[in-house]
Amino acid sequence: QVQLVESGGGLVQAGGSLRLSCAASGRSFSSPAMGWFRQAPGKDREFVAAVSWVGGTTWYADSVKGRFTISRDTTKNTVSLQMNSLRPEDTAVYLCAADPRGSVVLETYTSWGQGTQVTVSS
């Protein structure tokens, strides 16, 4: 069983930056990739970014390309999401996910964190 704990959310003005982190724990943690998703009130959960554990290949939603950067630290079992040039439409609960069983850009992950709130004011 993998436990995921997110941190780093908060309130920021448009144009500002935030860095989210996700710490994975559990016996013999192993995952081919980890991802970030987000869910705004009244909207479906959507893919934000993912990174492969070996090699560090990255994937991004078109809406965040050039603004967000995902990275992982395999020695600490953590994944981070650096978010720059934030917009009000980025406001959502951001969730970390691990152990995808299919496409890393879809909700195929078996482990999910509780989420951290990101609010961007205009």
C-alpha atoms as a PDB file:
ATOM      1  CA  GLN A   1       0.000   0.000   0.000  1.00  0.00           C
ATOM      2  CA  VAL A   2       1.431   3.354  -1.066  1.00  0.00           C
ATOM      3  CA  GLN A   3       0.711   6.480   0.922  1.00  0.00           C
ATOM      4  CA  LEU A   4       0.953   9.839  -0.809  1.00  0.00           C
ATOM      5  CA  VAL A   5       1.029  13.151   1.023  1.00  0.00           C
ATOM      6  CA  GLU A   6       0.920  16.462  -0.829  1.00  0.00           C
ATOM      7  CA  SER A   7       2.122  19.815   0.478  1.00  0.00           C
ATOM      8  CA  GLY A   8       2.789  23.315  -0.789  1.00  0.00           C
ATOM      9  CA  GLY A   9      -0.632  24.568  -1.781  1.00  0.00           C
ATOM     10  CA  GLY A  10      -1.921  27.998  -0.850  1.00  0.00           C
ATOM     11  CA  LEU A  11      -3.217  31.337  -2.025  1.00  0.00           C
ATOM     12  CA  VAL A  12      -1.288  33.320  -4.609  1.00  0.00           C
ATOM     13  CA  GLN A  13      -1.973  36.253  -6.911  1.00  0.00           C
ATOM     14  CA  ALA A  14      -2.206  35.794 -10.642  1.00  0.00           C
ATOM     15  CA  GLY A  15       1.262  35.703 -12.150  1.00  0.00           C
ATOM     16  CA  GLY A  16       2.761  34.230  -9.012  1.00  0.00           C
ATOM     17  CA  SER A  17       4.362  30.864  -8.330  1.00  0.00           C
ATOM     18  CA  LEU A  18       3.866  27.871  -6.071  1.00  0.00           C
ATOM     19  CA  ARG A  19       5.727  24.617  -5.654  1.00  0.00           C
ATOM     20  CA  LEU A  20       3.834  21.463  -4.754  1.00  0.00           C
ATOM     21  CA  SER A  21       5.493  18.377  -3.346  1.00  0.00           C
ATOM     22  CA  CYS A  22       4.297  14.818  -2.929  1.00  0.00           C
ATOM     23  CA  ALA A  23       6.002  12.312  -0.659  1.00  0.00           C
ATOM     24  CA  ALA A  24       5.439   8.621  -1.287  1.00  0.00           C
ATOM     25  CA  SER A  25       5.873   6.033   1.420  1.00  0.00           C
ATOM     26  CA  GLY A  26       5.130   2.394   1.841  1.00  0.00           C
ATOM     27  CA  ARG A  27       6.982  -0.838   1.900  1.00  0.00           C
ATOM     28  CA  SER A  28       9.148  -1.205  -1.187  1.00  0.00           C
ATOM     29  CA  PHE A  29       7.690   1.790  -2.989  1.00  0.00           C
ATOM     30  CA  SER A  30       7.828   1.265  -6.712  1.00  0.00           C
ATOM     31  CA  SER A  31       5.955   3.030  -9.464  1.00  0.00           C
ATOM     32  CA  PRO A  32       6.655   3.383 -13.167  1.00  0.00           C
ATOM     33  CA  ALA A  33       5.435   6.967 -13.077  1.00  0.00           C
ATOM     34  CA  MET A  34       3.833   9.595 -10.885  1.00  0.00           C
ATOM     35  CA  GLY A  35       1.407  12.271 -11.850  1.00  0.00           C
ATOM     36  CA  TRP A  36      -0.464  15.370 -10.797  1.00  0.00           C
ATOM     37  CA  PHE A  37      -4.130  15.909 -11.463  1.00  0.00           C
ATOM     38  CA  ARG A  38      -6.443  18.739 -10.425  1.00  0.00           C
ATOM     39  CA  GLN A  39     -10.120  19.171  -9.771  1.00  0.00           C
ATOM     40  CA  ALA A  40     -11.931  22.472  -9.638  1.00  0.00           C
ATOM     41  CA  PRO A  41     -15.391  22.829  -8.055  1.00  0.00           C
ATOM     42  CA  GLY A  42     -18.078  21.479 -10.344  1.00  0.00           C
ATOM     43  CA  LYS A  43     -15.572  20.156 -12.861  1.00  0.00           C
ATOM     44  CA  ASP A  44     -14.126  16.767 -13.685  1.00  0.00           C
ATOM     45  CA  ARG A  45     -10.687  15.792 -12.503  1.00  0.00           C
ATOM     46  CA  GLU A  46      -8.124  16.610 -15.179  1.00  0.00           C
ATOM     47  CA  PHE A  47      -4.561  15.591 -15.928  1.00  0.00           C
ATOM     48  CA  VAL A  48      -1.851  18.175 -15.255  1.00  0.00           C
ATOM     49  CA  ALA A  49       1.546  16.501 -15.565  1.00  0.00           C
ATOM     50  CA  ALA A  50       3.354  13.181 -15.153  1.00  0.00           C
ATOM     51  CA  VAL A  51       6.919  11.932 -14.957  1.00  0.00           C
ATOM     52  CA  SER A  52       8.378   8.472 -15.458  1.00  0.00           C
ATOM     53  CA  TRP A  53      10.320   7.165 -12.505  1.00  0.00           C
ATOM     54  CA  VAL A  54      13.174   5.774 -14.622  1.00  0.00           C
ATOM     55  CA  GLY A  55      14.499   8.218 -17.152  1.00  0.00           C
ATOM     56  CA  GLY A  56      12.390  11.186 -16.105  1.00  0.00           C
ATOM     57  CA  THR A  57      10.256  11.440 -19.226  1.00  0.00           C
ATOM     58  CA  THR A  58       7.584  14.107 -18.726  1.00  0.00           C
ATOM     59  CA  TRP A  59       4.079  14.731 -20.011  1.00  0.00           C
ATOM     60  CA  TYR A  60       2.039  17.933 -19.650  1.00  0.00           C
ATOM     61  CA  ALA A  61      -1.478  19.092 -20.322  1.00  0.00           C
ATOM     62  CA  ASP A  62      -1.558  21.746 -23.034  1.00  0.00           C
ATOM     63  CA  SER A  63      -3.005  24.232 -20.559  1.00  0.00           C
ATOM     64  CA  VAL A  64       0.118  24.158 -18.369  1.00  0.00           C
ATOM     65  CA  LYS A  65       2.921  23.629 -20.895  1.00  0.00           C
ATOM     66  CA  GLY A  66       5.625  26.244 -20.517  1.00  0.00           C
ATOM     67  CA  ARG A  67       4.358  27.276 -17.079  1.00  0.00           C
ATOM     68  CA  PHE A  68       4.532  24.122 -14.939  1.00  0.00           C
ATOM     69  CA  THR A  69       7.496  21.788 -14.447  1.00  0.00           C
ATOM     70  CA  ILE A  70       7.277  18.320 -12.911  1.00  0.00           C
ATOM     71  CA  SER A  71      10.303  16.635 -11.400  1.00  0.00           C
ATOM     72  CA  ARG A  72      11.080  13.613  -9.241  1.00  0.00           C
ATOM     73  CA  ASP A  73      13.691  12.654  -6.673  1.00  0.00           C
ATOM     74  CA  THR A  74      14.110   8.907  -6.738  1.00  0.00           C
ATOM     75  CA  THR A  75      16.316   8.946  -3.648  1.00  0.00           C
ATOM     76  CA  LYS A  76      13.599  10.566  -1.549  1.00  0.00           C
ATOM     77  CA  ASN A  77      10.547   9.122  -3.331  1.00  0.00           C
ATOM     78  CA  THR A  78       9.156  12.571  -3.964  1.00  0.00           C
ATOM     79  CA  VAL A  79       7.641  14.322  -6.950  1.00  0.00           C
ATOM     80  CA  SER A  80       7.302  18.074  -7.261  1.00  0.00           C
ATOM     81  CA  LEU A  81       5.321  20.452  -9.414  1.00  0.00           C
ATOM     82  CA  GLN A  82       6.745  23.927  -9.929  1.00  0.00           C
ATOM     83  CA  MET A  83       3.933  26.211 -11.036  1.00  0.00           C
ATOM     84  CA  ASN A  84       4.798  29.603 -12.526  1.00  0.00           C
ATOM     85  CA  SER A  85       2.702  32.325 -14.151  1.00  0.00           C
ATOM     86  CA  LEU A  86      -0.339  31.075 -12.306  1.00  0.00           C
ATOM     87  CA  ARG A  87      -3.789  32.047 -13.561  1.00  0.00           C
ATOM     88  CA  PRO A  88      -7.156  32.145 -11.800  1.00  0.00           C
ATOM     89  CA  GLU A  89      -8.232  29.163 -13.919  1.00  0.00           C
ATOM     90  CA  ASP A  90      -5.483  27.114 -12.250  1.00  0.00           C
ATOM     91  CA  THR A  91      -7.471  27.241  -9.013  1.00  0.00           C
ATOM     92  CA  ALA A  92      -8.253  23.679  -7.947  1.00  0.00           C
ATOM     93  CA  VAL A  93      -7.403  20.884  -5.563  1.00  0.00           C
ATOM     94  CA  TYR A  94      -4.203  19.301  -6.821  1.00  0.00           C
ATOM     95  CA  LEU A  95      -3.788  15.573  -6.298  1.00  0.00           C
ATOM     96  CA  CYS A  96      -0.704  13.421  -6.542  1.00  0.00           C
ATOM     97  CA  ALA A  97      -1.027   9.934  -8.006  1.00  0.00           C
ATOM     98  CA  ALA A  98       1.196   6.871  -8.270  1.00  0.00           C
ATOM     99  CA  ASP A  99       1.322   3.460  -9.902  1.00  0.00           C
ATOM    100  CA  PRO A 100      -0.530   3.912 -13.187  1.00  0.00           C
ATOM    101  CA  ARG A 101      -1.940   0.748 -14.743  1.00  0.00           C
ATOM    102  CA  GLY A 102      -2.332   2.293 -18.186  1.00  0.00           C
ATOM    103  CA  SER A 103      -1.869   5.673 -19.759  1.00  0.00           C
ATOM    104  CA  VAL A 104      -0.137   8.133 -17.442  1.00  0.00           C
ATOM    105  CA  VAL A 105      -2.351  10.980 -18.690  1.00  0.00           C
ATOM    106  CA  LEU A 106      -5.558   9.232 -17.665  1.00  0.00           C
ATOM    107  CA  GLU A 107      -6.925   8.283 -14.263  1.00  0.00           C
ATOM    108  CA  THR A 108      -5.391   4.799 -14.302  1.00  0.00           C
ATOM    109  CA  TYR A 109      -3.371   5.354 -11.149  1.00  0.00           C
ATOM    110  CA  THR A 110      -4.022   3.044  -8.209  1.00  0.00           C
ATOM    111  CA  SER A 111      -2.802   5.331  -5.416  1.00  0.00           C
ATOM    112  CA  TRP A 112      -3.958   8.885  -4.772  1.00  0.00           C
ATOM    113  CA  GLY A 113      -3.172  11.560  -2.226  1.00  0.00           C
ATOM    114  CA  GLN A 114      -5.772  13.627  -0.399  1.00  0.00           C
ATOM    115  CA  GLY A 115      -4.976  16.748  -2.370  1.00  0.00           C
ATOM    116  CA  THR A 116      -3.800  20.258  -1.641  1.00  0.00           C
ATOM    117  CA  GLN A 117      -5.738  23.428  -2.432  1.00  0.00           C
ATOM    118  CA  VAL A 118      -4.292  25.969  -4.842  1.00  0.00           C
ATOM    119  CA  THR A 119      -6.141  29.272  -5.134  1.00  0.00           C
ATOM    120  CA  VAL A 120      -5.090  31.951  -7.604  1.00  0.00           C
ATOM    121  CA  SER A 121      -6.656  35.368  -7.147  1.00  0.00           C
ATOM    122  CA  SER A 122      -7.099  37.825  -9.995  1.00  0.00           C
END
